[in-house]
Amino acid sequence: MRYELKAALLRAGLRPSDSPAADVIVDGPKGLFLYEVLGADRSTYADLRAGAARLMEIEHLESRAIDHRFLVLSEPPTEGWAAGALRGVFGVGTVWRTADGWEGPDSPIALHLPD
């Protein structure tokens, strides 16, 4: 998933990179983006909540302010309400991979898609 995410960001004209703590980080025209990639079969709310906590920990360790935080999943969240809960409670966006590309309520901003 990490490489697929990086490929999508490269296609959007960005330069994704790793950091000592984060899966992927992008410093682009829309700010500093931080991504945590969850593995296969990690799409329950409990998994997403743990990923959101990890993003908050990484943000605390970064020397720069993070503008956007995203979880990247290999499938839609198990609970349909989970993505909205993560956005509301933690301020973390959610995107997931599909056979046709990417989906999720935060995919346009997370993947730097044209407005």
N, C-alpha and C. Protein backbone atom coordinates (compact mmCIF):
# COMPACT_ATOMS: atom_id res chain seq x y z
N MET A 1 0.82 -1.19 0.00
CA MET A 1 0.00 0.00 0.00
C MET A 1 0.86 1.26 0.00
N ARG A 2 1.95 1.23 0.72
CA ARG A 2 2.81 2.41 0.80
C ARG A 2 3.31 2.80 -0.59
N TYR A 3 3.73 1.81 -1.38
CA TYR A 3 4.26 2.11 -2.71
C TYR A 3 3.16 2.58 -3.66
N GLU A 4 1.96 2.04 -3.50
CA GLU A 4 0.84 2.51 -4.32
C GLU A 4 0.49 3.95 -3.98
N LEU A 5 0.53 4.28 -2.70
CA LEU A 5 0.28 5.65 -2.28
C LEU A 5 1.35 6.58 -2.85
N LYS A 6 2.60 6.19 -2.71
CA LYS A 6 3.68 7.02 -3.24
C LYS A 6 3.55 7.22 -4.75
N ALA A 7 3.18 6.17 -5.45
CA ALA A 7 2.99 6.27 -6.90
C ALA A 7 1.88 7.27 -7.23
N ALA A 8 0.78 7.21 -6.50
CA ALA A 8 -0.32 8.15 -6.74
C ALA A 8 0.11 9.58 -6.47
N LEU A 9 0.88 9.79 -5.43
CA LEU A 9 1.36 11.13 -5.12
C LEU A 9 2.37 11.62 -6.15
N LEU A 10 3.22 10.73 -6.63
CA LEU A 10 4.15 11.10 -7.70
C LEU A 10 3.40 11.50 -8.97
N ARG A 11 2.35 10.75 -9.30
CA ARG A 11 1.54 11.08 -10.47
C ARG A 11 0.86 12.44 -10.32
N ALA A 12 0.64 12.86 -9.09
CA ALA A 12 0.03 14.17 -8.83
C ALA A 12 1.09 15.29 -8.86
N GLY A 13 2.33 14.92 -9.16
CA GLY A 13 3.39 15.91 -9.27
C GLY A 13 4.08 16.25 -7.98
N LEU A 14 3.92 15.40 -6.95
CA LEU A 14 4.53 15.65 -5.65
C LEU A 14 5.74 14.76 -5.42
N ARG A 15 6.46 15.03 -4.36
CA ARG A 15 7.64 14.25 -4.02
C ARG A 15 7.46 13.63 -2.63
N PRO A 16 6.76 12.49 -2.56
CA PRO A 16 6.57 11.83 -1.26
C PRO A 16 7.90 11.29 -0.74
N SER A 17 8.03 11.28 0.57
CA SER A 17 9.25 10.74 1.17
C SER A 17 8.91 10.05 2.48
N ASP A 18 9.87 9.33 2.98
CA ASP A 18 9.76 8.70 4.29
C ASP A 18 10.36 9.67 5.31
N SER A 19 9.99 9.48 6.54
CA SER A 19 10.64 10.19 7.63
C SER A 19 11.05 9.11 8.62
N PRO A 20 11.84 9.45 9.61
CA PRO A 20 12.23 8.42 10.58
C PRO A 20 11.04 7.75 11.28
N ALA A 21 9.90 8.45 11.35
CA ALA A 21 8.76 7.91 12.08
C ALA A 21 7.55 7.61 11.20
N ALA A 22 7.36 8.36 10.12
CA ALA A 22 6.13 8.26 9.33
C ALA A 22 6.28 7.32 8.15
N ASP A 23 5.15 6.75 7.72
CA ASP A 23 5.16 5.92 6.51
C ASP A 23 5.45 6.77 5.28
N VAL A 24 4.72 7.87 5.14
CA VAL A 24 4.91 8.78 4.01
C VAL A 24 4.64 10.19 4.50
N ILE A 25 5.44 11.11 4.00
CA ILE A 25 5.25 12.52 4.30
C ILE A 25 5.41 13.30 3.00
N VAL A 26 4.59 14.33 2.82
CA VAL A 26 4.64 15.15 1.61
C VAL A 26 4.59 16.62 2.03
N ASP A 27 5.56 17.36 1.58
CA ASP A 27 5.56 18.80 1.78
C ASP A 27 5.28 19.42 0.43
N GLY A 28 4.05 19.89 0.24
CA GLY A 28 3.64 20.38 -1.06
C GLY A 28 2.92 21.71 -0.97
N PRO A 29 2.35 22.13 -2.06
CA PRO A 29 1.70 23.45 -2.11
C PRO A 29 0.47 23.58 -1.19
N LYS A 30 -0.10 22.47 -0.78
CA LYS A 30 -1.27 22.51 0.10
C LYS A 30 -0.88 22.23 1.55
N GLY A 31 0.42 22.23 1.86
CA GLY A 31 0.87 22.05 3.23
C GLY A 31 1.64 20.76 3.43
N LEU A 32 1.88 20.45 4.69
CA LEU A 32 2.61 19.25 5.08
C LEU A 32 1.61 18.14 5.39
N PHE A 33 1.72 17.03 4.65
CA PHE A 33 0.80 15.90 4.76
C PHE A 33 1.52 14.71 5.37
N LEU A 34 0.86 14.04 6.31
CA LEU A 34 1.40 12.88 6.99
C LEU A 34 0.46 11.70 6.76
N TYR A 35 1.03 10.55 6.36
CA TYR A 35 0.23 9.37 6.05
C TYR A 35 0.69 8.18 6.89
N GLU A 36 -0.26 7.46 7.44
CA GLU A 36 -0.01 6.20 8.13
C GLU A 36 -0.72 5.11 7.34
N VAL A 37 0.03 4.15 6.85
CA VAL A 37 -0.52 3.08 6.03
C VAL A 37 -0.80 1.87 6.92
N LEU A 38 -2.06 1.44 6.95
CA LEU A 38 -2.43 0.26 7.71
C LEU A 38 -2.40 -0.95 6.80
N GLY A 39 -1.98 -2.08 7.32
CA GLY A 39 -1.86 -3.29 6.52
C GLY A 39 -3.20 -3.94 6.23
N ALA A 40 -3.13 -5.02 5.47
CA ALA A 40 -4.33 -5.78 5.12
C ALA A 40 -5.05 -6.25 6.38
N ASP A 41 -6.36 -6.31 6.29
CA ASP A 41 -7.21 -6.77 7.41
C ASP A 41 -7.07 -5.89 8.65
N ARG A 42 -6.75 -4.61 8.45
CA ARG A 42 -6.70 -3.66 9.56
C ARG A 42 -7.63 -2.50 9.25
N SER A 43 -8.92 -2.83 9.16
CA SER A 43 -9.89 -1.80 8.77
C SER A 43 -11.05 -1.65 9.76
N THR A 44 -10.94 -2.25 10.94
CA THR A 44 -11.97 -2.04 11.95
C THR A 44 -11.76 -0.69 12.63
N TYR A 45 -12.78 -0.22 13.31
CA TYR A 45 -12.64 1.06 13.99
C TYR A 45 -11.50 1.03 15.00
N ALA A 46 -11.34 -0.09 15.70
CA ALA A 46 -10.24 -0.20 16.67
C ALA A 46 -8.88 -0.05 15.97
N ASP A 47 -8.73 -0.63 14.78
CA ASP A 47 -7.49 -0.48 14.02
C ASP A 47 -7.29 0.98 13.60
N LEU A 48 -8.35 1.59 13.13
CA LEU A 48 -8.26 2.97 12.67
C LEU A 48 -7.97 3.91 13.84
N ARG A 49 -8.58 3.67 14.96
CA ARG A 49 -8.33 4.49 16.16
C ARG A 49 -6.87 4.38 16.58
N ALA A 50 -6.31 3.18 16.53
CA ALA A 50 -4.89 2.99 16.86
C ALA A 50 -4.01 3.71 15.84
N GLY A 51 -4.38 3.67 14.57
CA GLY A 51 -3.63 4.40 13.55
C GLY A 51 -3.69 5.90 13.75
N ALA A 52 -4.86 6.41 14.15
CA ALA A 52 -5.01 7.84 14.41
C ALA A 52 -4.12 8.25 15.59
N ALA A 53 -4.07 7.42 16.62
CA ALA A 53 -3.20 7.73 17.76
C ALA A 53 -1.74 7.74 17.32
N ARG A 54 -1.37 6.83 16.45
CA ARG A 54 0.00 6.79 15.92
C ARG A 54 0.32 8.08 15.16
N LEU A 55 -0.61 8.55 14.33
CA LEU A 55 -0.40 9.80 13.61
C LEU A 55 -0.21 10.98 14.58
N MET A 56 -0.98 10.99 15.64
CA MET A 56 -0.85 12.06 16.62
C MET A 56 0.50 12.00 17.33
N GLU A 57 0.98 10.80 17.61
CA GLU A 57 2.31 10.63 18.20
C GLU A 57 3.39 11.14 17.25
N ILE A 58 3.29 10.75 15.99
CA ILE A 58 4.28 11.19 15.00
C ILE A 58 4.26 12.71 14.88
N GLU A 59 3.07 13.28 14.85
CA GLU A 59 2.95 14.74 14.75
C GLU A 59 3.64 15.41 15.94
N HIS A 60 3.50 14.83 17.10
CA HIS A 60 4.14 15.38 18.30
C HIS A 60 5.67 15.34 18.17
N LEU A 61 6.20 14.33 17.49
CA LEU A 61 7.65 14.18 17.34
C LEU A 61 8.23 15.04 16.23
N GLU A 62 7.41 15.42 15.25
CA GLU A 62 7.89 16.21 14.11
C GLU A 62 8.27 17.62 14.56
N SER A 63 9.30 18.14 13.95
CA SER A 63 9.72 19.50 14.28
C SER A 63 8.87 20.55 13.56
N ARG A 64 8.13 20.12 12.53
CA ARG A 64 7.27 21.04 11.78
C ARG A 64 5.81 20.75 12.09
N ALA A 65 4.97 21.75 11.93
CA ALA A 65 3.54 21.56 12.13
C ALA A 65 2.96 20.76 10.95
N ILE A 66 2.13 19.80 11.24
CA ILE A 66 1.48 18.97 10.22
C ILE A 66 0.14 19.63 9.88
N ASP A 67 -0.10 19.82 8.59
CA ASP A 67 -1.34 20.44 8.15
C ASP A 67 -2.47 19.43 7.97
N HIS A 68 -2.13 18.21 7.52
CA HIS A 68 -3.14 17.19 7.24
C HIS A 68 -2.60 15.82 7.63
N ARG A 69 -3.47 14.99 8.23
CA ARG A 69 -3.11 13.62 8.62
C ARG A 69 -4.11 12.65 8.00
N PHE A 70 -3.57 11.53 7.46
CA PHE A 70 -4.43 10.56 6.79
C PHE A 70 -4.04 9.14 7.13
N LEU A 71 -5.06 8.29 7.26
CA LEU A 71 -4.87 6.84 7.31
C LEU A 71 -5.12 6.31 5.91
N VAL A 72 -4.29 5.37 5.50
CA VAL A 72 -4.41 4.75 4.18
C VAL A 72 -4.70 3.27 4.40
N LEU A 73 -5.83 2.79 3.87
CA LEU A 73 -6.28 1.42 4.08
C LEU A 73 -6.24 0.64 2.77
N SER A 74 -6.19 -0.66 2.90
CA SER A 74 -6.22 -1.52 1.71
C SER A 74 -7.65 -1.90 1.32
N GLU A 75 -8.62 -1.48 2.13
CA GLU A 75 -10.03 -1.78 1.89
C GLU A 75 -10.88 -0.76 2.64
N PRO A 76 -12.15 -0.65 2.34
CA PRO A 76 -13.00 0.29 3.08
C PRO A 76 -13.07 -0.09 4.56
N PRO A 77 -13.30 0.89 5.43
CA PRO A 77 -13.45 0.57 6.84
C PRO A 77 -14.59 -0.42 7.05
N THR A 78 -14.42 -1.31 8.00
CA THR A 78 -15.43 -2.32 8.30
C THR A 78 -16.75 -1.67 8.71
N GLU A 79 -16.67 -0.65 9.55
CA GLU A 79 -17.84 0.08 9.99
C GLU A 79 -17.99 1.32 9.11
N GLY A 80 -19.14 1.48 8.50
CA GLY A 80 -19.37 2.60 7.58
C GLY A 80 -19.20 3.97 8.21
N TRP A 81 -19.41 4.07 9.49
CA TRP A 81 -19.33 5.35 10.20
C TRP A 81 -17.91 5.70 10.64
N ALA A 82 -16.97 4.77 10.52
CA ALA A 82 -15.63 4.93 11.09
C ALA A 82 -14.87 6.13 10.52
N ALA A 83 -14.92 6.34 9.21
CA ALA A 83 -14.16 7.45 8.61
C ALA A 83 -14.66 8.79 9.14
N GLY A 84 -15.96 8.94 9.26
CA GLY A 84 -16.51 10.17 9.81
C GLY A 84 -16.13 10.38 11.27
N ALA A 85 -16.12 9.30 12.03
CA ALA A 85 -15.74 9.40 13.44
C ALA A 85 -14.27 9.82 13.57
N LEU A 86 -13.40 9.24 12.74
CA LEU A 86 -11.98 9.62 12.81
C LEU A 86 -11.79 11.09 12.47
N ARG A 87 -12.51 11.56 11.47
CA ARG A 87 -12.41 12.97 11.09
C ARG A 87 -12.90 13.85 12.24
N GLY A 88 -14.05 13.51 12.81
CA GLY A 88 -14.62 14.33 13.87
C GLY A 88 -13.86 14.30 15.18
N VAL A 89 -13.42 13.14 15.59
CA VAL A 89 -12.77 12.99 16.89
C VAL A 89 -11.28 13.34 16.85
N PHE A 90 -10.58 12.85 15.83
CA PHE A 90 -9.13 12.99 15.76
C PHE A 90 -8.64 13.99 14.71
N GLY A 91 -9.52 14.43 13.81
CA GLY A 91 -9.07 15.29 12.73
C GLY A 91 -8.22 14.55 11.72
N VAL A 92 -8.46 13.24 11.57
CA VAL A 92 -7.69 12.38 10.68
C VAL A 92 -8.56 11.95 9.51
N GLY A 93 -8.07 12.13 8.29
CA GLY A 93 -8.78 11.70 7.11
C GLY A 93 -8.52 10.22 6.81
N THR A 94 -9.37 9.65 5.98
CA THR A 94 -9.26 8.23 5.64
C THR A 94 -9.44 8.04 4.14
N VAL A 95 -8.55 7.25 3.55
CA VAL A 95 -8.65 6.85 2.14
C VAL A 95 -8.36 5.36 2.05
N TRP A 96 -8.88 4.73 1.01
CA TRP A 96 -8.61 3.31 0.83
C TRP A 96 -8.49 2.98 -0.65
N ARG A 97 -7.79 1.90 -0.88
CA ARG A 97 -7.52 1.43 -2.24
C ARG A 97 -8.68 0.57 -2.71
N THR A 98 -9.04 0.75 -3.99
CA THR A 98 -10.04 -0.10 -4.63
C THR A 98 -9.44 -0.64 -5.92
N ALA A 99 -10.16 -1.53 -6.58
CA ALA A 99 -9.68 -2.07 -7.86
C ALA A 99 -9.57 -0.98 -8.92
N ASP A 100 -10.38 0.08 -8.77
CA ASP A 100 -10.39 1.16 -9.76
C ASP A 100 -9.58 2.38 -9.36
N GLY A 101 -8.96 2.36 -8.21
CA GLY A 101 -8.18 3.52 -7.76
C GLY A 101 -8.31 3.73 -6.27
N TRP A 102 -8.69 4.94 -5.88
CA TRP A 102 -8.79 5.32 -4.48
C TRP A 102 -10.18 5.85 -4.18
N GLU A 103 -10.63 5.60 -2.96
CA GLU A 103 -11.92 6.12 -2.51
C GLU A 103 -11.77 6.60 -1.08
N GLY A 104 -12.85 7.12 -0.59
CA GLY A 104 -12.90 7.63 0.77
C GLY A 104 -13.24 9.10 0.76
N PRO A 105 -13.86 9.58 1.82
CA PRO A 105 -14.31 10.97 1.86
C PRO A 105 -13.17 11.97 1.75
N ASP A 106 -11.97 11.56 2.07
CA ASP A 106 -10.84 12.49 2.07
C ASP A 106 -9.88 12.25 0.90
N SER A 107 -10.26 11.40 -0.06
CA SER A 107 -9.34 11.07 -1.14
C SER A 107 -8.96 12.28 -2.01
N PRO A 108 -9.85 13.23 -2.31
CA PRO A 108 -9.41 14.35 -3.15
C PRO A 108 -8.26 15.15 -2.53
N ILE A 109 -8.36 15.48 -1.25
CA ILE A 109 -7.30 16.26 -0.63
C ILE A 109 -6.08 15.38 -0.32
N ALA A 110 -6.30 14.14 0.13
CA ALA A 110 -5.18 13.26 0.49
C ALA A 110 -4.30 12.94 -0.70
N LEU A 111 -4.91 12.79 -1.87
CA LEU A 111 -4.17 12.38 -3.05
C LEU A 111 -3.91 13.55 -4.00
N HIS A 112 -4.22 14.77 -3.53
CA HIS A 112 -3.96 15.99 -4.29
C HIS A 112 -4.62 15.95 -5.66
N LEU A 113 -5.86 15.49 -5.69
CA LEU A 113 -6.60 15.44 -6.93
C LEU A 113 -7.07 16.85 -7.30
N PRO A 114 -7.23 17.12 -8.58
CA PRO A 114 -7.70 18.47 -8.98
C PRO A 114 -9.06 18.77 -8.38
N ASP A 115 -9.27 20.03 -8.07
CA ASP A 115 -10.55 20.46 -7.50
C ASP A 115 -11.66 20.42 -8.52
